[in-house]
Amino acid sequence: MTNIIEIQGLTKKYNGLTAVNDLNLTIQEGEVFGFIGPNGAGKTTTMRILTTLLQPTAGKAWVAGHSVTDDPRAVRRAIGYMPDFFGVYDDMKVWEYLDFFAACYDIPPATRAGMIDDLLALVDLGHKKEEQVEALSRGMKQRLCLARTLAHDPQVLILDEPASGLDPRARIEIRELLRELKNMGKTIFFSSHILSEVADICTTIGIIEAGQLVASGDMEQMKKQLRAHRLIQAQVVGEIAPLQEFLLRHPAVSTINDHSEADIPTNAVRFDFSGDDQTLSQLLADIIASGIRVTTFSEETGDLEDVFMQVTKGIIN
């Protein structure tokens, strides 16, 4: 696959404060990349450099093969940028708002009307075409802003906290819209501090803390790599004591928890396992061969919050 965003040694300082520190990152075409971290971690600064709104103190970055410092005009043609605030557009109708931005990208007037209808249909705002922008709800404004970023059919969408401040319904609508854009082949680079949103739709993630990229890559692989031991839950028919006794004798098993933990069923145990897939498979076969009737036996990969807490443990303090 083609690298569509490349960042090498990117650094940005403000009067002695380092907002982004030696950032290196590569994103491939068609990926949905979730850029996560707390407020003030450096997410917005990175995105403003990628969108040519800020000059880096050091380092380089390319979008769709164009340097953000040497060829900013070409970068702007290749991207659609959605900032973390909507802006003020008084006395402008929804269609006029899109028409204005389409004109900024030199889209011919003859093709703008049809394009506007298509964009409004995509973001489910066709029924609001003649409404004033200022009368829209925040969720509708976010969807309209996303439609605006698509006016010139960019290769890359760079979205800064697209679901920030939205109610649960509007957040779901934005998430579904991003999924649709992914299916259309768009590369999406979006930031968020709402970890569940990122986990739902992204293919890869980057975790930034205090200006430093502390982890990046495929999310499922990261979950497995960052866990010191695999976490297995087994459920049986009848008493769990025989299973507990069996597990205690296995050298790769440690830290066995049972239903005394609130989220474990009464006939189940959860245990840490340090072996590989083959050893785990043999363990299950041995348990069944011993006469213990197993109903479920599965690995828990944890969630994105586990990954975030683990990789930022040494950075925060």
Protein backbone atom coordinates (compact mmCIF):
# COMPACT_ATOMS: atom_id res chain seq x y z
CA MET A 1 0.00 0.00 0.00
CA THR A 2 1.02 3.63 -0.58
CA ASN A 3 2.10 5.88 2.29
CA ILE A 4 -0.17 8.91 2.12
CA ILE A 5 1.00 10.70 5.30
CA GLU A 6 4.65 10.67 6.36
CA ILE A 7 6.06 12.51 9.35
CA GLN A 8 9.77 12.60 10.18
CA GLY A 9 11.21 14.15 13.32
CA LEU A 10 8.38 16.67 13.61
CA THR A 11 8.88 19.17 16.44
CA LYS A 12 6.99 22.31 17.41
CA LYS A 13 8.01 24.67 20.21
CA TYR A 14 6.23 27.71 21.58
CA ASN A 15 8.48 30.02 23.61
CA GLY A 16 10.35 27.14 25.20
CA LEU A 17 7.29 24.86 25.52
CA THR A 18 7.58 21.75 23.35
CA ALA A 19 4.12 20.91 22.02
CA VAL A 20 5.29 18.14 19.66
CA ASN A 21 8.61 16.39 20.21
CA ASP A 22 10.41 14.45 17.42
CA LEU A 23 7.28 12.81 16.03
CA ASN A 24 7.68 10.02 13.47
CA LEU A 25 4.62 8.49 11.87
CA THR A 26 3.52 6.81 8.63
CA ILE A 27 -0.09 6.30 7.54
CA GLN A 28 -1.07 4.26 4.51
CA GLU A 29 -3.70 5.08 1.92
CA GLY A 30 -7.19 3.96 2.91
CA GLU A 31 -6.46 3.73 6.64
CA VAL A 32 -8.63 5.21 9.36
CA PHE A 33 -6.05 6.46 11.84
CA GLY A 34 -7.13 7.38 15.36
CA PHE A 35 -4.83 9.93 17.03
CA ILE A 36 -5.55 9.77 20.74
CA GLY A 37 -4.34 11.52 23.84
CA PRO A 38 -5.51 13.91 26.54
CA ASN A 39 -6.10 17.60 25.95
CA GLY A 40 -2.79 19.39 25.51
CA ALA A 41 -0.94 16.27 24.34
CA GLY A 42 -0.06 17.73 20.92
CA LYS A 43 -2.85 16.36 18.72
CA THR A 44 -4.15 19.66 17.38
CA THR A 45 -0.65 21.09 16.87
CA THR A 46 0.30 18.06 14.77
CA MET A 47 -2.86 18.36 12.69
CA ARG A 48 -2.36 22.08 12.11
CA ILE A 49 1.13 21.39 10.80
CA LEU A 50 -0.23 18.69 8.48
CA THR A 51 -2.85 21.12 7.18
CA THR A 52 -0.19 23.84 6.59
CA LEU A 53 -1.68 26.16 9.21
CA LEU A 54 1.48 26.00 11.36
CA GLN A 55 5.15 25.84 10.49
CA PRO A 56 7.13 23.18 12.36
CA THR A 57 10.15 24.16 14.42
CA ALA A 58 11.99 21.13 13.04
CA GLY A 59 11.29 18.00 11.03
CA LYS A 60 9.36 17.28 7.85
CA ALA A 61 5.95 16.04 6.82
CA TRP A 62 4.32 15.02 3.55
CA VAL A 63 0.66 14.53 2.63
CA ALA A 64 -0.14 12.68 -0.60
CA GLY A 65 3.51 13.09 -1.58
CA HIS A 66 3.55 16.87 -1.08
CA SER A 67 5.70 18.63 1.52
CA VAL A 68 3.66 20.66 4.00
CA THR A 69 6.40 23.32 4.09
CA ASP A 70 7.60 23.36 0.47
CA ASP A 71 4.32 22.80 -1.38
CA PRO A 72 1.46 23.88 0.91
CA ARG A 73 -0.93 24.66 -1.94
CA ALA A 74 -0.77 21.07 -3.23
CA VAL A 75 -1.31 19.77 0.31
CA ARG A 76 -4.44 21.88 0.69
CA ARG A 77 -5.79 20.46 -2.56
CA ALA A 78 -5.24 16.92 -1.26
CA ILE A 79 -6.87 17.33 2.15
CA GLY A 80 -10.20 18.13 3.70
CA TYR A 81 -9.73 19.69 7.14
CA MET A 82 -12.36 19.83 9.85
CA PRO A 83 -11.21 21.89 12.87
CA ASP A 84 -12.44 21.40 16.42
CA PHE A 85 -14.72 24.42 16.19
CA PHE A 86 -17.32 25.32 13.58
CA GLY A 87 -16.79 29.06 13.17
CA VAL A 88 -19.35 31.84 12.72
CA TYR A 89 -21.43 32.06 9.54
CA ASP A 90 -24.38 34.35 10.25
CA ASP A 91 -27.12 34.95 7.68
CA MET A 92 -26.02 32.09 5.43
CA LYS A 93 -28.19 29.20 4.30
CA VAL A 94 -26.91 25.63 4.38
CA TRP A 95 -26.58 25.40 0.59
CA GLU A 96 -24.90 28.81 0.46
CA TYR A 97 -22.33 27.66 3.02
CA LEU A 98 -21.34 24.71 0.83
CA ASP A 99 -21.49 26.82 -2.31
CA PHE A 100 -19.09 29.35 -0.78
CA PHE A 101 -16.46 26.72 0.04
CA ALA A 102 -16.90 24.99 -3.33
CA ALA A 103 -16.20 28.34 -5.01
CA CYS A 104 -13.03 28.67 -2.89
CA TYR A 105 -11.82 25.45 -4.51
CA ASP A 106 -12.62 26.79 -8.01
CA ILE A 107 -15.40 24.29 -8.60
CA PRO A 108 -17.37 25.58 -11.64
CA PRO A 109 -20.79 27.09 -10.86
CA ALA A 110 -22.48 24.72 -13.31
CA THR A 111 -21.42 21.66 -11.30
CA ARG A 112 -21.84 23.08 -7.80
CA ALA A 113 -25.62 22.67 -7.48
CA GLY A 114 -25.55 18.93 -8.11
CA MET A 115 -22.49 18.49 -5.91
CA ILE A 116 -24.18 20.32 -3.03
CA ASP A 117 -27.24 18.07 -3.26
CA ASP A 118 -25.00 15.00 -3.24
CA LEU A 119 -23.06 16.18 -0.20
CA LEU A 120 -26.21 17.06 1.74
CA ALA A 121 -27.63 13.62 0.95
CA LEU A 122 -24.42 11.98 2.17
CA VAL A 123 -24.59 13.72 5.55
CA ASP A 124 -28.41 13.43 5.74
CA LEU A 125 -29.05 17.17 5.64
CA GLY A 126 -30.98 17.44 2.39
CA HIS A 127 -34.08 18.51 4.30
CA LYS A 128 -32.13 21.43 5.81
CA LYS A 129 -30.88 22.85 2.51
CA GLU A 130 -32.76 26.16 2.84
CA GLU A 131 -32.27 26.52 6.61
CA GLN A 132 -29.97 29.09 8.16
CA VAL A 133 -26.68 27.59 9.31
CA GLU A 134 -26.95 29.28 12.71
CA ALA A 135 -30.28 27.52 13.33
CA LEU A 136 -28.80 24.02 13.07
CA SER A 137 -28.08 21.88 16.11
CA ARG A 138 -24.45 21.25 17.00
CA GLY A 139 -24.62 17.73 15.58
CA MET A 140 -26.01 19.03 12.28
CA LYS A 141 -23.31 21.69 12.13
CA GLN A 142 -20.66 19.01 12.59
CA ARG A 143 -22.12 16.99 9.72
CA LEU A 144 -22.32 20.12 7.56
CA CYS A 145 -18.71 20.91 8.37
CA LEU A 146 -17.77 17.38 7.34
CA ALA A 147 -19.67 17.86 4.06
CA ARG A 148 -17.67 21.04 3.49
CA THR A 149 -14.39 19.12 3.78
CA LEU A 150 -15.56 16.84 0.94
CA ALA A 151 -16.45 19.62 -1.49
CA HIS A 152 -13.28 19.19 -3.61
CA ASP A 153 -13.17 15.36 -3.24
CA PRO A 154 -9.92 15.25 -1.21
CA GLN A 155 -7.76 12.15 -0.83
CA VAL A 156 -7.26 12.68 2.91
CA LEU A 157 -9.64 13.85 5.64
CA ILE A 158 -8.02 15.43 8.70
CA LEU A 159 -10.62 15.77 11.45
CA ASP A 160 -9.90 17.37 14.82
CA GLU A 161 -12.21 15.93 17.51
CA PRO A 162 -15.15 15.45 15.09
CA ALA A 163 -17.51 14.21 17.83
CA SER A 164 -16.50 16.70 20.51
CA GLY A 165 -19.39 18.10 22.52
CA LEU A 166 -22.05 16.05 20.75
CA ASP A 167 -24.89 14.19 22.41
CA PRO A 168 -24.89 10.36 22.15
CA ARG A 169 -27.19 10.27 19.11
CA ALA A 170 -25.16 12.85 17.18
CA ARG A 171 -21.96 11.02 18.12
CA ILE A 172 -23.33 7.80 16.64
CA GLU A 173 -24.33 9.66 13.46
CA ILE A 174 -20.80 11.04 13.03
CA ARG A 175 -19.32 7.61 13.65
CA GLU A 176 -21.56 6.01 11.01
CA LEU A 177 -20.68 8.77 8.57
CA LEU A 178 -16.97 8.12 9.08
CA ARG A 179 -17.56 4.43 8.40
CA GLU A 180 -19.28 5.33 5.14
CA LEU A 181 -16.38 7.58 4.13
CA LYS A 182 -13.99 4.75 4.93
CA ASN A 183 -15.97 2.47 2.62
CA MET A 184 -15.66 5.14 -0.08
CA GLY A 185 -11.89 4.74 0.11
CA LYS A 186 -11.03 7.94 1.93
CA THR A 187 -7.98 8.05 4.18
CA ILE A 188 -9.10 9.47 7.52
CA PHE A 189 -6.81 10.97 10.17
CA PHE A 190 -8.86 11.99 13.18
CA SER A 191 -8.12 12.91 16.76
CA SER A 192 -10.15 12.06 19.82
CA HIS A 193 -9.90 11.72 23.57
CA ILE A 194 -13.00 9.48 23.61
CA LEU A 195 -11.31 6.11 23.41
CA SER A 196 -14.41 4.06 22.62
CA GLU A 197 -15.01 6.08 19.43
CA VAL A 198 -11.54 5.34 18.13
CA ALA A 199 -11.81 1.65 18.96
CA ASP A 200 -15.06 1.35 17.02
CA ILE A 201 -13.95 2.68 13.64
CA CYS A 202 -10.18 3.00 13.26
CA THR A 203 -7.81 0.52 11.64
CA THR A 204 -4.67 1.91 13.27
CA ILE A 205 -3.98 4.20 16.22
CA GLY A 206 -1.30 6.49 17.58
CA ILE A 207 -1.10 7.44 21.24
CA ILE A 208 0.47 10.81 22.01
CA GLU A 209 1.29 12.08 25.48
CA ALA A 210 3.15 15.29 26.39
CA GLY A 211 4.11 15.83 22.74
CA GLN A 212 5.61 12.36 22.30
CA LEU A 213 4.24 9.48 20.27
CA VAL A 214 4.38 6.64 22.78
CA ALA A 215 2.79 3.89 20.66
CA SER A 216 1.33 3.36 17.21
CA GLY A 217 0.16 0.53 14.98
CA ASP A 218 -2.67 -1.93 14.44
CA MET A 219 -4.93 -1.74 17.46
CA GLU A 220 -5.55 -5.45 18.02
CA GLN A 221 -1.85 -6.25 17.73
CA MET A 222 -1.02 -3.47 20.19
CA LYS A 223 -3.47 -4.86 22.72
CA LYS A 224 -1.79 -8.26 22.58
CA GLN A 225 1.78 -6.94 22.59
CA LEU A 226 1.25 -4.59 25.52
CA ARG A 227 -0.31 -7.18 27.81
CA ALA A 228 2.39 -8.92 29.86
CA HIS A 229 0.28 -12.09 30.03
CA ARG A 230 -2.72 -13.31 28.10
CA LEU A 231 -5.98 -13.18 30.02
CA ILE A 232 -8.13 -16.31 29.63
CA GLN A 233 -11.65 -16.96 30.92
CA ALA A 234 -13.01 -20.50 31.20
CA GLN A 235 -16.54 -21.49 32.19
CA VAL A 236 -17.57 -25.01 33.19
CA VAL A 237 -20.61 -27.10 34.03
CA GLY A 238 -20.83 -27.66 37.79
CA GLU A 239 -18.22 -26.79 40.43
CA ILE A 240 -15.16 -24.75 39.47
CA ALA A 241 -12.88 -26.26 42.16
CA PRO A 242 -11.59 -29.10 39.91
CA LEU A 243 -10.68 -26.56 37.20
CA GLN A 244 -8.91 -24.32 39.70
CA GLU A 245 -6.89 -27.25 41.02
CA PHE A 246 -5.97 -28.33 37.50
CA LEU A 247 -4.84 -24.81 36.52
CA LEU A 248 -2.72 -24.39 39.67
CA ARG A 249 -0.55 -27.32 38.50
CA HIS A 250 0.19 -25.75 35.09
CA PRO A 251 3.50 -23.83 34.85
CA ALA A 252 2.14 -21.20 32.41
CA VAL A 253 -0.85 -20.28 34.59
CA SER A 254 -0.84 -17.59 37.28
CA THR A 255 -3.22 -15.24 39.11
CA ILE A 256 -6.43 -17.27 39.04
CA ASN A 257 -9.56 -15.25 39.82
CA ASP A 258 -13.07 -16.61 40.34
CA HIS A 259 -16.60 -15.30 40.96
CA SER A 260 -15.37 -13.25 43.92
CA GLU A 261 -14.54 -10.73 41.19
CA ALA A 262 -17.74 -8.88 40.33
CA ASP A 263 -17.69 -9.46 36.57
CA ILE A 264 -16.87 -13.21 36.61
CA PRO A 265 -19.77 -15.74 36.51
CA THR A 266 -20.12 -18.15 39.45
CA ASN A 267 -19.04 -21.16 37.38
CA ALA A 268 -16.05 -19.48 35.69
CA VAL A 269 -12.43 -18.57 36.36
CA ARG A 270 -10.15 -15.99 34.78
CA PHE A 271 -6.41 -16.54 34.76
CA ASP A 272 -3.16 -15.12 33.39
CA PHE A 273 -1.44 -17.33 30.84
CA SER A 274 2.15 -16.88 29.64
CA GLY A 275 2.26 -19.55 26.91
CA ASP A 276 1.82 -19.42 23.13
CA ASP A 277 -1.17 -20.52 21.04
CA GLN A 278 -0.01 -24.14 20.85
CA THR A 279 0.44 -24.36 24.62
CA LEU A 280 -2.96 -22.77 25.18
CA SER A 281 -4.60 -25.24 22.79
CA GLN A 282 -2.95 -28.15 24.60
CA LEU A 283 -4.10 -26.79 27.95
CA LEU A 284 -7.72 -26.80 26.79
CA ALA A 285 -7.35 -30.35 25.43
CA ASP A 286 -5.87 -31.52 28.74
CA ILE A 287 -8.67 -29.90 30.74
CA ILE A 288 -11.33 -31.66 28.66
CA ALA A 289 -9.42 -34.98 28.80
CA SER A 290 -9.44 -34.79 32.59
CA GLY A 291 -13.25 -34.91 32.58
CA ILE A 292 -13.91 -31.23 33.30
CA ARG A 293 -16.85 -30.11 31.17
CA VAL A 294 -15.90 -26.76 29.60
CA THR A 295 -18.65 -24.57 28.09
CA THR A 296 -16.55 -21.51 27.13
CA PHE A 297 -12.82 -20.92 26.84
CA SER A 298 -11.76 -17.56 25.42
CA GLU A 299 -9.04 -14.93 25.49
CA GLU A 300 -9.86 -11.40 26.60
CA THR A 301 -7.80 -8.82 24.71
CA GLY A 302 -8.75 -5.90 26.92
CA ASP A 303 -9.79 -2.52 25.53
CA LEU A 304 -8.16 0.66 24.30
CA GLU A 305 -8.19 2.19 27.77
CA ASP A 306 -5.93 -0.64 28.98
CA VAL A 307 -3.49 0.10 26.16
CA PHE A 308 -3.57 3.85 26.80
CA MET A 309 -2.97 3.52 30.54
CA GLN A 310 -0.11 1.09 30.05
CA VAL A 311 1.83 2.99 27.38
CA THR A 312 1.47 6.37 29.09
CA LYS A 313 2.36 5.07 32.57
CA GLY A 314 5.92 6.36 32.48
CA ILE A 315 5.22 9.55 30.55
CA ILE A 316 2.63 11.31 32.69
CA ASN A 317 4.76 11.68 35.83
